[in-house]
């Protein structure tokens, strides 16, 4: 995954950590945490409209793919790091820098013939941070199950915006 170091970042701070999980026990622990939080999300935290908007995707709090996928990649955003003298080194534009790096990662995954599901498990940060021994300056941004598509996987027939709707030529 050498390409991850090629993403641009504010003041070249490279404010990301990619944690690759292949251990079945750790994947099971991640699934347990995510499903517990997702139960609460669907029941109380997410609006009725949000839950309704997810209906076409047949998604719910059950996430078996977190154990089925050969690998999980957890993308953490570093808000700062520590310099050799112990002082904080600020990471400028850390949100957009991590988004760009994640985009490069997703493109590389697709280029390799693999698939990933972009997931942002609401309210899982602290527990997953603890499980994976990540420092307090890191925040979970994405949880990506990565592998080959399941033989029975289906993709909804989504209507995409036309080029005219997403690009303006000046």
N, C-alpha and C. Protein backbone atom coordinates (compact mmCIF):
# COMPACT_ATOMS: atom_id res chain seq x y z
N UNK A 1 0.83 -1.18 0.00
CA UNK A 1 0.00 0.00 0.00
C UNK A 1 0.88 1.25 0.00
N UNK A 2 1.96 1.19 -0.76
CA UNK A 2 2.90 2.31 -0.84
C UNK A 2 2.25 3.59 -1.33
N UNK A 3 1.19 3.48 -2.13
CA UNK A 3 0.55 4.64 -2.72
C UNK A 3 -0.07 5.55 -1.67
N UNK A 4 -0.36 5.03 -0.47
CA UNK A 4 -0.99 5.85 0.56
C UNK A 4 -0.10 7.03 0.94
N UNK A 5 1.19 6.83 0.89
CA UNK A 5 2.12 7.90 1.22
C UNK A 5 2.26 8.94 0.13
N UNK A 6 1.56 8.74 -0.99
CA UNK A 6 1.66 9.70 -2.09
C UNK A 6 0.57 10.75 -2.05
N UNK A 7 -0.40 10.62 -1.17
CA UNK A 7 -1.50 11.59 -1.11
C UNK A 7 -0.98 12.93 -0.58
N UNK A 8 -1.49 14.03 -1.13
CA UNK A 8 -1.09 15.34 -0.62
C UNK A 8 -1.74 15.59 0.73
N UNK A 9 -1.10 16.43 1.54
CA UNK A 9 -1.68 16.79 2.84
C UNK A 9 -1.19 18.17 3.24
N UNK A 10 -2.00 18.84 4.08
CA UNK A 10 -1.66 20.17 4.55
C UNK A 10 -0.31 20.19 5.26
N UNK A 11 0.60 21.00 4.80
CA UNK A 11 1.96 21.13 5.34
C UNK A 11 2.68 19.79 5.40
N UNK A 12 2.29 18.88 4.53
CA UNK A 12 2.88 17.54 4.42
C UNK A 12 2.93 16.82 5.77
N UNK A 13 1.83 16.91 6.52
CA UNK A 13 1.78 16.25 7.83
C UNK A 13 1.30 14.81 7.75
N UNK A 14 0.73 14.41 6.61
CA UNK A 14 0.22 13.05 6.42
C UNK A 14 -0.58 12.59 7.65
N UNK A 15 -1.72 13.25 7.87
CA UNK A 15 -2.48 13.05 9.11
C UNK A 15 -3.39 11.82 9.12
N UNK A 16 -2.89 10.69 8.73
CA UNK A 16 -3.72 9.49 8.65
C UNK A 16 -2.99 8.28 9.20
N UNK A 17 -3.79 7.35 9.65
CA UNK A 17 -3.30 6.03 10.03
C UNK A 17 -4.28 5.03 9.44
N UNK A 18 -3.75 4.06 8.70
CA UNK A 18 -4.57 3.00 8.12
C UNK A 18 -4.29 1.73 8.92
N UNK A 19 -5.29 1.22 9.60
CA UNK A 19 -5.15 0.01 10.40
C UNK A 19 -5.80 -1.13 9.61
N UNK A 20 -4.99 -2.11 9.22
CA UNK A 20 -5.48 -3.27 8.47
C UNK A 20 -5.69 -4.41 9.45
N UNK A 21 -6.91 -4.91 9.49
CA UNK A 21 -7.26 -5.99 10.43
C UNK A 21 -7.61 -7.24 9.63
N UNK A 22 -6.89 -8.32 9.88
CA UNK A 22 -7.18 -9.61 9.27
C UNK A 22 -7.44 -10.69 10.31
N UNK A 23 -7.10 -10.42 11.55
CA UNK A 23 -7.30 -11.38 12.62
C UNK A 23 -8.80 -11.61 12.84
N UNK A 24 -9.27 -12.86 12.74
CA UNK A 24 -10.71 -13.15 12.89
C UNK A 24 -11.29 -12.71 14.24
N UNK A 25 -10.52 -12.82 15.30
CA UNK A 25 -11.02 -12.42 16.62
C UNK A 25 -11.20 -10.91 16.72
N UNK A 26 -10.27 -10.17 16.15
CA UNK A 26 -10.39 -8.70 16.17
C UNK A 26 -11.54 -8.27 15.26
N UNK A 27 -11.67 -8.92 14.09
CA UNK A 27 -12.80 -8.59 13.21
C UNK A 27 -14.13 -8.86 13.92
N UNK A 28 -14.21 -9.97 14.67
CA UNK A 28 -15.44 -10.29 15.41
C UNK A 28 -15.71 -9.24 16.49
N UNK A 29 -14.67 -8.78 17.15
CA UNK A 29 -14.83 -7.75 18.18
C UNK A 29 -15.30 -6.44 17.55
N UNK A 30 -14.74 -6.10 16.39
CA UNK A 30 -15.18 -4.90 15.67
C UNK A 30 -16.65 -5.03 15.28
N UNK A 31 -17.02 -6.19 14.77
CA UNK A 31 -18.41 -6.40 14.38
C UNK A 31 -19.34 -6.23 15.58
N UNK A 32 -18.96 -6.79 16.70
CA UNK A 32 -19.79 -6.69 17.90
C UNK A 32 -20.00 -5.24 18.31
N UNK A 33 -18.93 -4.46 18.31
CA UNK A 33 -19.02 -3.04 18.67
C UNK A 33 -19.90 -2.29 17.68
N UNK A 34 -19.66 -2.51 16.39
CA UNK A 34 -20.42 -1.80 15.35
C UNK A 34 -21.90 -2.16 15.43
N UNK A 35 -22.21 -3.43 15.57
CA UNK A 35 -23.62 -3.84 15.61
C UNK A 35 -24.33 -3.31 16.85
N UNK A 36 -23.64 -3.29 17.96
CA UNK A 36 -24.23 -2.74 19.19
C UNK A 36 -24.59 -1.26 19.00
N UNK A 37 -23.65 -0.50 18.45
CA UNK A 37 -23.88 0.92 18.21
C UNK A 37 -24.93 1.14 17.12
N UNK A 38 -24.90 0.30 16.08
CA UNK A 38 -25.87 0.43 15.00
C UNK A 38 -27.29 0.14 15.49
N UNK A 39 -27.45 -0.81 16.40
CA UNK A 39 -28.77 -1.04 17.00
C UNK A 39 -29.31 0.25 17.59
N UNK A 40 -28.45 0.96 18.34
CA UNK A 40 -28.86 2.24 18.93
C UNK A 40 -29.10 3.30 17.86
N UNK A 41 -28.25 3.30 16.84
CA UNK A 41 -28.41 4.28 15.76
C UNK A 41 -29.76 4.15 15.09
N UNK A 42 -30.09 2.94 14.68
CA UNK A 42 -31.35 2.71 13.98
C UNK A 42 -32.56 2.95 14.90
N UNK A 43 -32.43 2.61 16.17
CA UNK A 43 -33.55 2.75 17.10
C UNK A 43 -33.75 4.18 17.59
N UNK A 44 -32.64 4.93 17.81
CA UNK A 44 -32.78 6.23 18.49
C UNK A 44 -32.02 7.39 17.87
N UNK A 45 -30.85 7.15 17.33
CA UNK A 45 -29.99 8.27 16.94
C UNK A 45 -30.29 8.81 15.55
N UNK A 46 -30.63 7.93 14.62
CA UNK A 46 -30.88 8.35 13.25
C UNK A 46 -32.34 8.79 13.11
N UNK A 47 -32.56 9.83 12.32
CA UNK A 47 -33.92 10.32 12.12
C UNK A 47 -34.73 9.28 11.34
N UNK A 48 -36.04 9.39 11.41
CA UNK A 48 -36.92 8.49 10.64
C UNK A 48 -36.63 8.61 9.15
N UNK A 49 -36.38 9.86 8.72
CA UNK A 49 -36.09 10.08 7.29
C UNK A 49 -34.80 9.37 6.88
N UNK A 50 -33.78 9.44 7.73
CA UNK A 50 -32.51 8.79 7.44
C UNK A 50 -32.72 7.29 7.28
N UNK A 51 -33.43 6.69 8.23
CA UNK A 51 -33.71 5.25 8.16
C UNK A 51 -34.50 4.94 6.89
N UNK A 52 -35.49 5.78 6.55
CA UNK A 52 -36.28 5.57 5.34
C UNK A 52 -35.41 5.67 4.09
N UNK A 53 -34.47 6.61 4.09
CA UNK A 53 -33.58 6.78 2.93
C UNK A 53 -32.67 5.57 2.72
N UNK A 54 -32.44 4.79 3.77
CA UNK A 54 -31.59 3.60 3.67
C UNK A 54 -32.36 2.35 3.22
N UNK A 55 -33.68 2.41 3.23
CA UNK A 55 -34.51 1.24 2.88
C UNK A 55 -34.12 0.59 1.54
N UNK A 56 -33.90 1.38 0.47
CA UNK A 56 -33.57 0.74 -0.82
C UNK A 56 -32.30 -0.10 -0.78
N UNK A 57 -31.46 0.13 0.21
CA UNK A 57 -30.19 -0.59 0.30
C UNK A 57 -30.30 -1.84 1.17
N UNK A 58 -31.48 -2.06 1.76
CA UNK A 58 -31.73 -3.23 2.61
C UNK A 58 -30.66 -3.35 3.70
N UNK A 59 -30.30 -2.23 4.27
CA UNK A 59 -29.29 -2.23 5.32
C UNK A 59 -29.96 -2.14 6.68
N UNK A 60 -29.31 -2.70 7.66
CA UNK A 60 -29.79 -2.61 9.03
C UNK A 60 -28.58 -2.72 9.96
N UNK A 61 -28.83 -3.01 11.22
CA UNK A 61 -27.75 -3.03 12.21
C UNK A 61 -26.87 -4.28 12.11
N UNK A 62 -27.30 -5.29 11.39
CA UNK A 62 -26.54 -6.54 11.26
C UNK A 62 -25.48 -6.38 10.18
N UNK A 63 -24.22 -6.66 10.53
CA UNK A 63 -23.10 -6.42 9.62
C UNK A 63 -22.20 -7.66 9.48
N UNK A 64 -22.72 -8.78 8.94
CA UNK A 64 -21.91 -10.00 8.83
C UNK A 64 -20.66 -9.84 7.98
N UNK A 65 -20.70 -8.92 7.02
CA UNK A 65 -19.56 -8.71 6.13
C UNK A 65 -18.31 -8.26 6.89
N UNK A 66 -18.48 -7.75 8.11
CA UNK A 66 -17.31 -7.33 8.88
C UNK A 66 -16.45 -8.53 9.28
N UNK A 67 -17.06 -9.70 9.36
CA UNK A 67 -16.29 -10.92 9.63
C UNK A 67 -15.99 -11.68 8.34
N UNK A 68 -16.87 -11.55 7.35
CA UNK A 68 -16.70 -12.28 6.09
C UNK A 68 -15.56 -11.73 5.24
N UNK A 69 -15.38 -10.41 5.24
CA UNK A 69 -14.34 -9.79 4.41
C UNK A 69 -12.96 -10.27 4.86
N UNK A 70 -12.06 -10.53 3.93
CA UNK A 70 -10.71 -10.95 4.31
C UNK A 70 -9.95 -9.90 5.12
N UNK A 71 -10.28 -8.64 4.87
CA UNK A 71 -9.58 -7.57 5.59
C UNK A 71 -10.53 -6.41 5.86
N UNK A 72 -10.30 -5.76 6.97
CA UNK A 72 -10.95 -4.50 7.29
C UNK A 72 -9.86 -3.45 7.33
N UNK A 73 -10.12 -2.33 6.72
CA UNK A 73 -9.18 -1.20 6.82
C UNK A 73 -9.91 -0.09 7.55
N UNK A 74 -9.36 0.30 8.68
CA UNK A 74 -9.92 1.40 9.45
C UNK A 74 -9.05 2.62 9.22
N UNK A 75 -9.67 3.67 8.74
CA UNK A 75 -8.95 4.90 8.40
C UNK A 75 -9.15 5.88 9.56
N UNK A 76 -8.05 6.22 10.21
CA UNK A 76 -8.08 7.16 11.32
C UNK A 76 -7.47 8.49 10.87
N UNK A 77 -8.09 9.57 11.33
CA UNK A 77 -7.62 10.92 11.04
C UNK A 77 -6.89 11.44 12.28
N UNK A 78 -5.67 11.92 12.07
CA UNK A 78 -4.89 12.50 13.17
C UNK A 78 -5.12 14.00 13.20
N UNK A 79 -5.61 14.49 14.32
CA UNK A 79 -5.82 15.93 14.44
C UNK A 79 -4.51 16.67 14.71
N UNK A 80 -3.57 15.96 15.29
CA UNK A 80 -2.23 16.49 15.56
C UNK A 80 -1.31 15.31 15.80
N UNK A 81 -0.02 15.57 15.85
CA UNK A 81 0.96 14.57 16.27
C UNK A 81 1.87 15.22 17.29
N UNK A 82 2.80 14.46 17.82
CA UNK A 82 3.74 15.02 18.79
C UNK A 82 5.13 15.12 18.17
N UNK A 83 5.74 16.26 18.36
CA UNK A 83 7.11 16.46 17.89
C UNK A 83 8.07 15.78 18.85
N UNK A 84 9.33 15.73 18.47
CA UNK A 84 10.35 15.10 19.31
C UNK A 84 10.47 15.77 20.68
N UNK A 85 10.15 17.08 20.74
CA UNK A 85 10.24 17.79 22.03
C UNK A 85 8.96 17.63 22.87
N UNK A 86 8.01 16.82 22.37
CA UNK A 86 6.78 16.56 23.12
C UNK A 86 5.65 17.55 22.86
N UNK A 87 5.94 18.61 22.10
CA UNK A 87 4.90 19.60 21.79
C UNK A 87 4.04 19.11 20.62
N UNK A 88 2.82 19.64 20.57
CA UNK A 88 1.91 19.26 19.50
C UNK A 88 2.35 19.83 18.16
N UNK A 89 2.25 19.02 17.13
CA UNK A 89 2.43 19.47 15.75
C UNK A 89 1.05 19.44 15.12
N UNK A 90 0.55 20.60 14.77
CA UNK A 90 -0.79 20.68 14.20
C UNK A 90 -0.82 20.04 12.80
N UNK A 91 -1.93 19.44 12.49
CA UNK A 91 -2.14 18.86 11.17
C UNK A 91 -3.20 19.69 10.47
N UNK A 92 -2.73 20.54 9.58
CA UNK A 92 -3.61 21.46 8.87
C UNK A 92 -4.41 20.71 7.81
N UNK A 93 -5.66 21.12 7.66
CA UNK A 93 -6.55 20.51 6.66
C UNK A 93 -6.60 18.99 6.81
N UNK A 94 -6.60 18.51 8.05
CA UNK A 94 -6.54 17.06 8.25
C UNK A 94 -7.76 16.34 7.68
N UNK A 95 -8.94 16.95 7.75
CA UNK A 95 -10.14 16.28 7.22
C UNK A 95 -10.03 16.05 5.72
N UNK A 96 -9.71 17.09 4.97
CA UNK A 96 -9.64 16.95 3.52
C UNK A 96 -8.44 16.10 3.11
N UNK A 97 -7.35 16.20 3.84
CA UNK A 97 -6.17 15.39 3.52
C UNK A 97 -6.49 13.90 3.66
N UNK A 98 -7.19 13.54 4.72
CA UNK A 98 -7.57 12.14 4.93
C UNK A 98 -8.59 11.70 3.87
N UNK A 99 -9.50 12.59 3.51
CA UNK A 99 -10.49 12.26 2.48
C UNK A 99 -9.79 11.97 1.15
N UNK A 100 -8.80 12.76 0.80
CA UNK A 100 -8.06 12.53 -0.44
C UNK A 100 -7.31 11.20 -0.38
N UNK A 101 -6.64 10.94 0.74
CA UNK A 101 -5.90 9.68 0.89
C UNK A 101 -6.85 8.48 0.82
N UNK A 102 -8.02 8.60 1.44
CA UNK A 102 -9.01 7.52 1.40
C UNK A 102 -9.51 7.32 -0.03
N UNK A 103 -9.69 8.40 -0.77
CA UNK A 103 -10.11 8.29 -2.16
C UNK A 103 -9.08 7.56 -3.01
N UNK A 104 -7.81 7.86 -2.77
CA UNK A 104 -6.74 7.15 -3.48
C UNK A 104 -6.77 5.67 -3.11
N UNK A 105 -6.96 5.37 -1.83
CA UNK A 105 -7.04 3.98 -1.39
C UNK A 105 -8.20 3.26 -2.07
N UNK A 106 -9.39 3.87 -2.08
CA UNK A 106 -10.55 3.24 -2.71
C UNK A 106 -10.34 3.02 -4.21
N UNK A 107 -9.69 3.97 -4.87
CA UNK A 107 -9.39 3.81 -6.29
C UNK A 107 -8.44 2.64 -6.51
N UNK A 108 -7.43 2.52 -5.66
CA UNK A 108 -6.47 1.42 -5.78
C UNK A 108 -7.15 0.07 -5.52
N UNK A 109 -8.04 0.02 -4.54
CA UNK A 109 -8.78 -1.21 -4.25
C UNK A 109 -9.58 -1.63 -5.49
N UNK A 110 -10.28 -0.69 -6.08
CA UNK A 110 -11.08 -0.98 -7.26
C UNK A 110 -10.19 -1.39 -8.44
N UNK A 111 -9.08 -0.70 -8.61
CA UNK A 111 -8.15 -1.00 -9.70
C UNK A 111 -7.62 -2.43 -9.60
N UNK A 112 -7.47 -2.93 -8.37
CA UNK A 112 -6.97 -4.28 -8.14
C UNK A 112 -8.05 -5.35 -8.31
N UNK A 113 -9.27 -4.93 -8.65
CA UNK A 113 -10.35 -5.88 -8.85
C UNK A 113 -11.05 -6.28 -7.56
N UNK A 114 -10.79 -5.54 -6.50
CA UNK A 114 -11.43 -5.81 -5.22
C UNK A 114 -12.57 -4.83 -5.01
N UNK A 115 -13.33 -5.06 -3.97
CA UNK A 115 -14.42 -4.15 -3.63
C UNK A 115 -14.27 -3.72 -2.17
N UNK A 116 -14.88 -2.59 -1.87
CA UNK A 116 -14.91 -2.08 -0.50
C UNK A 116 -16.27 -1.45 -0.27
N UNK A 117 -16.71 -1.50 0.94
CA UNK A 117 -17.94 -0.84 1.33
C UNK A 117 -17.54 0.31 2.24
N UNK A 118 -17.88 1.53 1.85
CA UNK A 118 -17.54 2.67 2.70
C UNK A 118 -18.55 2.74 3.84
N UNK A 119 -18.04 2.71 5.04
CA UNK A 119 -18.88 2.71 6.23
C UNK A 119 -18.33 3.72 7.21
N UNK A 120 -19.21 4.47 7.83
CA UNK A 120 -18.82 5.42 8.87
C UNK A 120 -19.65 5.09 10.10
N UNK A 121 -19.21 4.12 10.88
CA UNK A 121 -20.01 3.65 12.01
C UNK A 121 -20.17 4.72 13.09
N UNK A 122 -21.36 5.28 13.16
CA UNK A 122 -21.70 6.35 14.09
C UNK A 122 -21.49 5.91 15.54
N UNK A 123 -20.77 6.71 16.30
CA UNK A 123 -20.54 6.53 17.74
C UNK A 123 -19.66 5.33 18.09
N UNK A 124 -18.87 4.84 17.15
CA UNK A 124 -17.97 3.71 17.42
C UNK A 124 -16.54 4.14 17.69
N UNK A 125 -16.23 5.40 17.48
CA UNK A 125 -14.85 5.85 17.53
C UNK A 125 -14.12 5.43 18.81
N UNK A 126 -14.63 5.80 19.96
CA UNK A 126 -13.90 5.56 21.22
C UNK A 126 -13.66 4.08 21.46
N UNK A 127 -14.66 3.27 21.22
CA UNK A 127 -14.52 1.83 21.48
C UNK A 127 -13.56 1.16 20.50
N UNK A 128 -13.63 1.54 19.23
CA UNK A 128 -12.71 0.97 18.25
C UNK A 128 -11.29 1.50 18.46
N UNK A 129 -11.20 2.76 18.82
CA UNK A 129 -9.90 3.37 19.14
C UNK A 129 -9.24 2.58 20.27
N UNK A 130 -10.01 2.27 21.29
CA UNK A 130 -9.51 1.51 22.43
C UNK A 130 -9.14 0.08 22.03
N UNK A 131 -10.01 -0.60 21.30
CA UNK A 131 -9.76 -1.97 20.87
C UNK A 131 -8.46 -2.08 20.09
N UNK A 132 -8.20 -1.09 19.24
CA UNK A 132 -7.03 -1.13 18.36
C UNK A 132 -5.84 -0.35 18.91
N UNK A 133 -5.95 0.08 20.16
CA UNK A 133 -4.85 0.80 20.84
C UNK A 133 -4.39 2.03 20.06
N UNK A 134 -5.35 2.79 19.56
CA UNK A 134 -5.02 4.01 18.85
C UNK A 134 -4.97 5.17 19.84
N UNK A 135 -4.09 6.13 19.61
CA UNK A 135 -3.95 7.27 20.53
C UNK A 135 -5.14 8.23 20.46
N UNK A 136 -5.22 9.09 21.45
CA UNK A 136 -6.37 10.01 21.57
C UNK A 136 -6.40 11.08 20.47
N UNK A 137 -5.30 11.28 19.76
CA UNK A 137 -5.29 12.28 18.69
C UNK A 137 -5.83 11.73 17.38
N UNK A 138 -6.28 10.48 17.38
CA UNK A 138 -6.82 9.89 16.16
C UNK A 138 -8.33 9.69 16.29
N UNK A 139 -9.02 9.90 15.17
CA UNK A 139 -10.47 9.75 15.13
C UNK A 139 -10.82 8.86 13.93
N UNK A 140 -11.68 7.88 14.16
CA UNK A 140 -12.09 6.99 13.08
C UNK A 140 -12.90 7.75 12.05
N UNK A 141 -12.50 7.66 10.79
CA UNK A 141 -13.22 8.30 9.69
C UNK A 141 -13.96 7.29 8.85
N UNK A 142 -13.34 6.16 8.54
CA UNK A 142 -13.94 5.15 7.67
C UNK A 142 -13.59 3.76 8.15
N UNK A 143 -14.52 2.86 7.95
CA UNK A 143 -14.31 1.43 8.18
C UNK A 143 -14.60 0.76 6.85
N UNK A 144 -13.59 0.15 6.25
CA UNK A 144 -13.71 -0.41 4.91
C UNK A 144 -13.51 -1.92 4.93
N UNK A 145 -14.58 -2.72 4.81
CA UNK A 145 -14.39 -4.14 4.54
C UNK A 145 -13.89 -4.27 3.10
N UNK A 146 -12.84 -5.06 2.90
CA UNK A 146 -12.21 -5.16 1.58
C UNK A 146 -12.06 -6.62 1.20
N UNK A 147 -12.39 -6.93 -0.05
CA UNK A 147 -12.21 -8.29 -0.54
C UNK A 147 -12.81 -8.43 -1.93
N UNK A 148 -13.07 -9.66 -2.30
CA UNK A 148 -13.74 -9.95 -3.56
C UNK A 148 -15.25 -9.88 -3.31
N UNK A 149 -16.03 -9.51 -4.32
CA UNK A 149 -17.47 -9.44 -4.10
C UNK A 149 -18.06 -10.82 -3.80
N UNK A 150 -19.00 -10.87 -2.89
CA UNK A 150 -19.71 -12.11 -2.57
C UNK A 150 -20.46 -12.56 -3.82
N UNK A 151 -20.49 -13.86 -4.12
CA UNK A 151 -21.17 -14.33 -5.34
C UNK A 151 -22.64 -13.92 -5.42
N UNK A 152 -23.30 -13.74 -4.28
CA UNK A 152 -24.71 -13.37 -4.27
C UNK A 152 -24.93 -11.86 -4.05
N UNK A 153 -23.86 -11.11 -4.07
CA UNK A 153 -23.98 -9.67 -3.85
C UNK A 153 -24.75 -9.01 -4.99
N UNK A 154 -25.58 -8.07 -4.63
CA UNK A 154 -26.29 -7.28 -5.64
C UNK A 154 -26.04 -5.81 -5.34
N UNK A 155 -26.04 -5.03 -6.37
CA UNK A 155 -25.85 -3.59 -6.23
C UNK A 155 -27.14 -2.93 -6.69
N UNK A 156 -27.71 -2.05 -5.88
CA UNK A 156 -28.94 -1.38 -6.30
C UNK A 156 -28.73 -0.61 -7.60
N UNK A 157 -29.76 -0.56 -8.41
CA UNK A 157 -29.71 0.18 -9.67
C UNK A 157 -29.97 1.65 -9.35
N UNK A 158 -28.91 2.34 -8.97
CA UNK A 158 -29.03 3.73 -8.55
C UNK A 158 -28.93 4.66 -9.75
N UNK A 159 -29.77 5.66 -9.76
CA UNK A 159 -29.68 6.68 -10.79
C UNK A 159 -28.61 7.68 -10.36
N UNK A 160 -27.67 7.90 -11.21
CA UNK A 160 -26.61 8.87 -10.94
C UNK A 160 -26.97 10.21 -11.57
N UNK A 161 -26.46 11.26 -10.99
CA UNK A 161 -26.65 12.58 -11.59
C UNK A 161 -25.93 12.61 -12.94
N UNK A 162 -26.47 13.39 -13.85
CA UNK A 162 -25.83 13.54 -15.15
C UNK A 162 -24.59 14.41 -14.99
N UNK A 163 -23.72 14.36 -15.98
CA UNK A 163 -22.51 15.18 -15.96
C UNK A 163 -22.85 16.65 -15.85
N UNK A 164 -23.94 17.07 -16.51
CA UNK A 164 -24.37 18.48 -16.45
C UNK A 164 -24.73 18.91 -15.02
N UNK A 165 -25.16 17.95 -14.20
CA UNK A 165 -25.56 18.27 -12.83
C UNK A 165 -24.38 18.36 -11.87
N UNK A 166 -23.25 17.77 -12.24
CA UNK A 166 -22.12 17.75 -11.30
C UNK A 166 -20.91 18.52 -11.79
N UNK A 167 -20.95 19.00 -13.05
CA UNK A 167 -19.80 19.73 -13.58
C UNK A 167 -20.29 20.99 -14.30
N UNK A 168 -19.60 22.07 -14.02
CA UNK A 168 -19.88 23.34 -14.70
C UNK A 168 -18.64 23.71 -15.49
N UNK A 169 -18.82 23.96 -16.75
CA UNK A 169 -17.73 24.35 -17.63
C UNK A 169 -17.73 25.85 -17.78
N UNK A 170 -16.64 26.51 -17.43
CA UNK A 170 -16.57 27.97 -17.52
C UNK A 170 -15.57 28.35 -18.58
